[in-house]
Structures are given as C-alpha cells and as structure tokens.
C-alpha cells in the first residue's frame, strides 16, 4: 500500500491545491502541519534541505512543491 504524507501549513494555497488534487484522485493522505508539529518540520527540513511547503512524501521519496507530474508518476495515476 502506498503511504502518502503531505507536509503543509494551514495558510499555504499550494498546499490546499495539492491536498484537493489528491483527494479528487481518491488518494488517502496523512496531513502533517509543520507550523505546529516541530518534529515533523525538522524531519522535512532534514530530508529535503528545504523550508518551503508543500512537501509530499510517497513511500519514502520526498517531492518539494506541487509537482503534479512527479506525484502522478510515483502514484501511477493519470493527471
């Protein structure tokens, strides 16, 4: 089973668009609010060397920003 986590903040419009896209595709997502979860924020920065959101983790691979093409490729879904 594919594990998908989205690291985001409540005020990020790109995060909202990404989560809506995944929801429309029927992808179950674990949402991680890095504005309140400092351990998750630290993990995200260590893994990506980035402080920007959204970051999507799919089966251990991290994608910085809302990269539809890469997300669809890893999830094996149509855009």
C-alpha atoms as a PDB file:
ATOM      1  CA  UNK A   1       0.000   0.000   0.000  1.00  0.00           C
ATOM      2  CA  UNK A   2       1.281   3.433  -0.940  1.00  0.00           C
ATOM      3  CA  UNK A   3       1.981   5.712   2.011  1.00  0.00           C
ATOM      4  CA  UNK A   4       1.444   9.406   1.239  1.00  0.00           C
ATOM      5  CA  UNK A   5       2.170  12.259   3.641  1.00  0.00           C
ATOM      6  CA  UNK A   6       1.759  15.944   2.872  1.00  0.00           C
ATOM      7  CA  UNK A   7       3.786  18.389   4.939  1.00  0.00           C
ATOM      8  CA  UNK A   8       1.958  21.703   4.849  1.00  0.00           C
ATOM      9  CA  UNK A   9       0.731  24.767   6.711  1.00  0.00           C
ATOM     10  CA  UNK A  10      -2.866  25.953   7.098  1.00  0.00           C
ATOM     11  CA  UNK A  11      -2.228  29.205   5.192  1.00  0.00           C
ATOM     12  CA  UNK A  12      -0.443  27.778   2.128  1.00  0.00           C
ATOM     13  CA  UNK A  13      -2.583  27.965  -1.038  1.00  0.00           C
ATOM     14  CA  UNK A  14      -0.343  25.467  -2.881  1.00  0.00           C
ATOM     15  CA  UNK A  15      -0.777  23.016  -0.002  1.00  0.00           C
ATOM     16  CA  UNK A  16      -4.539  23.370  -0.235  1.00  0.00           C
ATOM     17  CA  UNK A  17      -4.455  22.791  -4.011  1.00  0.00           C
ATOM     18  CA  UNK A  18      -2.222  19.715  -3.615  1.00  0.00           C
ATOM     19  CA  UNK A  19      -4.448  18.157  -0.952  1.00  0.00           C
ATOM     20  CA  UNK A  20      -7.557  18.852  -3.039  1.00  0.00           C
ATOM     21  CA  UNK A  21      -5.904  17.260  -6.095  1.00  0.00           C
ATOM     22  CA  UNK A  22      -5.002  14.111  -4.136  1.00  0.00           C
ATOM     23  CA  UNK A  23      -8.484  13.940  -2.610  1.00  0.00           C
ATOM     24  CA  UNK A  24     -10.074  14.186  -6.075  1.00  0.00           C
ATOM     25  CA  UNK A  25      -7.843  11.302  -7.204  1.00  0.00           C
ATOM     26  CA  UNK A  26      -9.000   9.216  -4.244  1.00  0.00           C
ATOM     27  CA  UNK A  27      -5.562   9.122  -2.631  1.00  0.00           C
ATOM     28  CA  UNK A  28      -5.565   8.717   1.152  1.00  0.00           C
ATOM     29  CA  UNK A  29      -3.184  11.227   2.701  1.00  0.00           C
ATOM     30  CA  UNK A  30      -1.689  11.747   6.128  1.00  0.00           C
ATOM     31  CA  UNK A  31      -1.645  15.515   6.602  1.00  0.00           C
ATOM     32  CA  UNK A  32       1.221  16.944   8.638  1.00  0.00           C
ATOM     33  CA  UNK A  33       1.002  20.569   9.798  1.00  0.00           C
ATOM     34  CA  UNK A  34       4.620  21.704  10.101  1.00  0.00           C
ATOM     35  CA  UNK A  35       3.557  25.015  11.624  1.00  0.00           C
ATOM     36  CA  UNK A  36       2.540  23.172  14.804  1.00  0.00           C
ATOM     37  CA  UNK A  37       4.484  19.880  14.629  1.00  0.00           C
ATOM     38  CA  UNK A  38       8.119  20.854  15.130  1.00  0.00           C
ATOM     39  CA  UNK A  39       9.404  17.262  14.920  1.00  0.00           C
ATOM     40  CA  UNK A  40       7.764  16.875  11.503  1.00  0.00           C
ATOM     41  CA  UNK A  41       9.145  20.255  10.460  1.00  0.00           C
ATOM     42  CA  UNK A  42      12.644  19.101  11.454  1.00  0.00           C
ATOM     43  CA  UNK A  43      12.181  15.821   9.535  1.00  0.00           C
ATOM     44  CA  UNK A  44      11.003  17.680   6.425  1.00  0.00           C
ATOM     45  CA  UNK A  45      13.986  20.052   6.501  1.00  0.00           C
ATOM     46  CA  UNK A  46      16.492  17.237   7.124  1.00  0.00           C
ATOM     47  CA  UNK A  47      15.115  15.111   4.261  1.00  0.00           C
ATOM     48  CA  UNK A  48      14.665  17.884   1.687  1.00  0.00           C
ATOM     49  CA  UNK A  49      17.070  20.650   2.790  1.00  0.00           C
ATOM     50  CA  UNK A  50      14.089  22.958   2.151  1.00  0.00           C
ATOM     51  CA  UNK A  51      11.822  25.007   4.405  1.00  0.00           C
ATOM     52  CA  UNK A  52       9.071  25.573   1.856  1.00  0.00           C
ATOM     53  CA  UNK A  53       5.785  23.715   1.672  1.00  0.00           C
ATOM     54  CA  UNK A  54       4.116  21.681   0.370  1.00  0.00           C
ATOM     55  CA  UNK A  55       6.330  18.631   0.571  1.00  0.00           C
ATOM     56  CA  UNK A  56       4.854  15.284  -0.391  1.00  0.00           C
ATOM     57  CA  UNK A  57       6.358  12.029   0.806  1.00  0.00           C
ATOM     58  CA  UNK A  58       5.400   8.979  -1.245  1.00  0.00           C
ATOM     59  CA  UNK A  59       6.845   5.704   0.017  1.00  0.00           C
ATOM     60  CA  UNK A  60       9.920   7.477   1.391  1.00  0.00           C
ATOM     61  CA  UNK A  61      10.544   9.739  -1.612  1.00  0.00           C
ATOM     62  CA  UNK A  62      10.137  13.486  -0.997  1.00  0.00           C
ATOM     63  CA  UNK A  63       8.767  15.912  -3.566  1.00  0.00           C
ATOM     64  CA  UNK A  64       9.158  19.639  -2.882  1.00  0.00           C
ATOM     65  CA  UNK A  65       6.324  21.842  -4.201  1.00  0.00           C
ATOM     66  CA  UNK A  66       3.202  20.735  -6.049  1.00  0.00           C
ATOM     67  CA  UNK A  67       4.881  18.762  -8.853  1.00  0.00           C
ATOM     68  CA  UNK A  68       1.827  17.102 -10.422  1.00  0.00           C
ATOM     69  CA  UNK A  69       3.839  15.168 -12.972  1.00  0.00           C
ATOM     70  CA  UNK A  70       6.209  13.619 -10.413  1.00  0.00           C
ATOM     71  CA  UNK A  71       3.362  12.886  -7.960  1.00  0.00           C
ATOM     72  CA  UNK A  72       1.300  11.163 -10.669  1.00  0.00           C
ATOM     73  CA  UNK A  73       4.362   9.205 -11.789  1.00  0.00           C
ATOM     74  CA  UNK A  74       5.103   7.903  -8.279  1.00  0.00           C
ATOM     75  CA  UNK A  75       1.447   7.119  -7.558  1.00  0.00           C
ATOM     76  CA  UNK A  76       0.959   5.587 -11.021  1.00  0.00           C
ATOM     77  CA  UNK A  77      -2.140   7.700 -11.684  1.00  0.00           C
ATOM     78  CA  UNK A  78      -3.342   9.847 -14.577  1.00  0.00           C
ATOM     79  CA  UNK A  79      -3.054  13.626 -14.261  1.00  0.00           C
END
